[in-house]
Protein backbone atom coordinates (compact mmCIF):
# COMPACT_ATOMS: atom_id res chain seq x y z
CA MET A 1 -5.96 -6.17 13.39
CA GLU A 2 -2.38 -7.29 14.02
CA ARG A 3 -1.04 -4.66 11.60
CA ILE A 4 -3.03 -1.89 13.36
CA ILE A 5 -1.73 -2.93 16.79
CA ASN A 6 1.81 -3.22 15.44
CA ASN A 7 1.70 0.26 13.87
CA GLN A 8 0.28 1.90 16.99
CA LEU A 9 2.78 0.13 19.25
CA LEU A 10 5.73 1.12 17.06
CA ASP A 11 4.51 4.72 16.87
CA TYR A 12 4.25 4.85 20.66
CA LEU A 13 7.70 3.30 21.20
CA LEU A 14 9.37 5.59 18.66
CA THR A 15 7.60 8.74 19.87
CA ASN A 16 8.60 8.05 23.48
CA ARG A 17 12.15 7.09 22.49
CA PHE A 18 11.96 3.54 23.81
CA ILE A 19 13.60 2.37 20.58
CA SER A 20 17.07 3.70 19.82
CA LYS A 21 18.21 5.21 16.53
CA GLN A 22 20.48 2.18 16.09
CA GLN A 23 17.50 -0.18 15.80
CA HIS A 24 17.11 -1.34 12.21
CA GLY A 25 14.93 -4.45 12.18
CA PHE A 26 11.15 -4.10 12.20
CA ILE A 27 11.28 -0.30 11.73
CA ARG A 28 9.90 1.43 8.63
CA LYS A 29 12.62 2.39 6.15
CA ARG A 30 15.22 0.56 8.27
CA SER A 31 16.22 -3.02 7.65
CA THR A 32 19.17 -5.35 7.73
CA CYS A 33 20.26 -3.70 4.47
CA SER A 34 20.25 -0.22 6.01
CA ASN A 35 22.15 -1.63 8.97
CA ILE A 36 24.83 -3.12 6.72
CA LEU A 37 25.14 0.12 4.72
CA GLU A 38 25.45 2.22 7.88
CA SER A 39 28.06 -0.16 9.30
CA LEU A 40 30.04 -0.18 6.05
CA HIS A 41 30.01 3.63 6.03
CA ASP A 42 31.32 3.74 9.60
CA TRP A 43 34.05 1.18 8.82
CA CYS A 44 35.17 3.13 5.75
CA LEU A 45 35.39 6.34 7.77
CA ASN A 46 37.51 4.55 10.36
CA LEU A 47 39.79 3.07 7.71
CA GLN A 48 40.26 6.47 6.06
CA SER A 49 41.14 7.95 9.46
CA HIS A 50 43.53 5.05 10.18
CA PHE A 51 41.55 4.00 13.25
CA THR A 52 41.65 0.41 14.43
CA THR A 53 38.25 -1.16 13.90
CA ASP A 54 37.11 -4.40 15.51
CA ILE A 55 33.95 -6.04 14.26
CA VAL A 56 31.98 -8.57 16.30
CA TYR A 57 29.00 -10.46 14.92
CA PHE A 58 26.18 -11.96 16.98
CA ASP A 59 23.57 -14.36 15.70
CA PHE A 60 20.21 -13.47 17.26
CA LYS A 61 18.28 -15.65 14.83
CA LYS A 62 16.24 -17.37 17.52
CA ALA A 63 16.62 -14.80 20.27
CA PHE A 64 12.93 -13.95 20.48
CA ASN A 65 12.03 -17.62 20.93
CA SER A 66 13.96 -17.60 24.20
CA VAL A 67 12.45 -14.38 25.61
CA SER A 68 10.81 -14.75 29.00
CA HIS A 69 7.23 -13.67 28.36
CA PRO A 70 6.59 -12.56 31.98
CA LYS A 71 9.75 -10.38 31.88
CA LEU A 72 8.72 -8.94 28.51
CA LEU A 73 5.25 -8.08 29.82
CA ALA A 74 6.75 -6.48 32.94
CA LYS A 75 9.05 -4.34 30.78
CA LEU A 76 6.14 -3.27 28.56
CA LYS A 77 4.12 -2.31 31.65
CA ARG A 78 7.03 -0.19 32.89
CA MET A 79 6.85 1.67 29.57
CA ALA A 80 3.24 2.60 30.44
CA LEU A 81 1.65 0.17 28.02
CA GLN A 82 -1.57 -1.61 28.79
CA VAL A 83 -0.81 -5.25 28.11
CA ILE A 84 -3.29 -8.08 28.18
CA SER A 85 -1.51 -11.14 29.52
CA LEU A 86 -2.09 -14.17 27.36
CA PHE A 87 0.64 -16.09 29.12
CA GLY A 88 -0.98 -16.67 32.47
């Protein structure tokens, strides 16, 4: 059941362009590996063109654990999703 809901939700978000093309995690055929390869390609192009390139890394390892569930539900509702609140 979870897989069905996940697939339908992702299809909806992608179809309605709520997820950007730069999103790699949790998207079919896009992963951290595709993100690294795309970044490496961009960096190589910049180096070949003699552009200055700054790289900043962020660690979002536990970012979802700190998400405010009421704010997340409100954002999903704004995207026209019917959400059943399990968080009170």
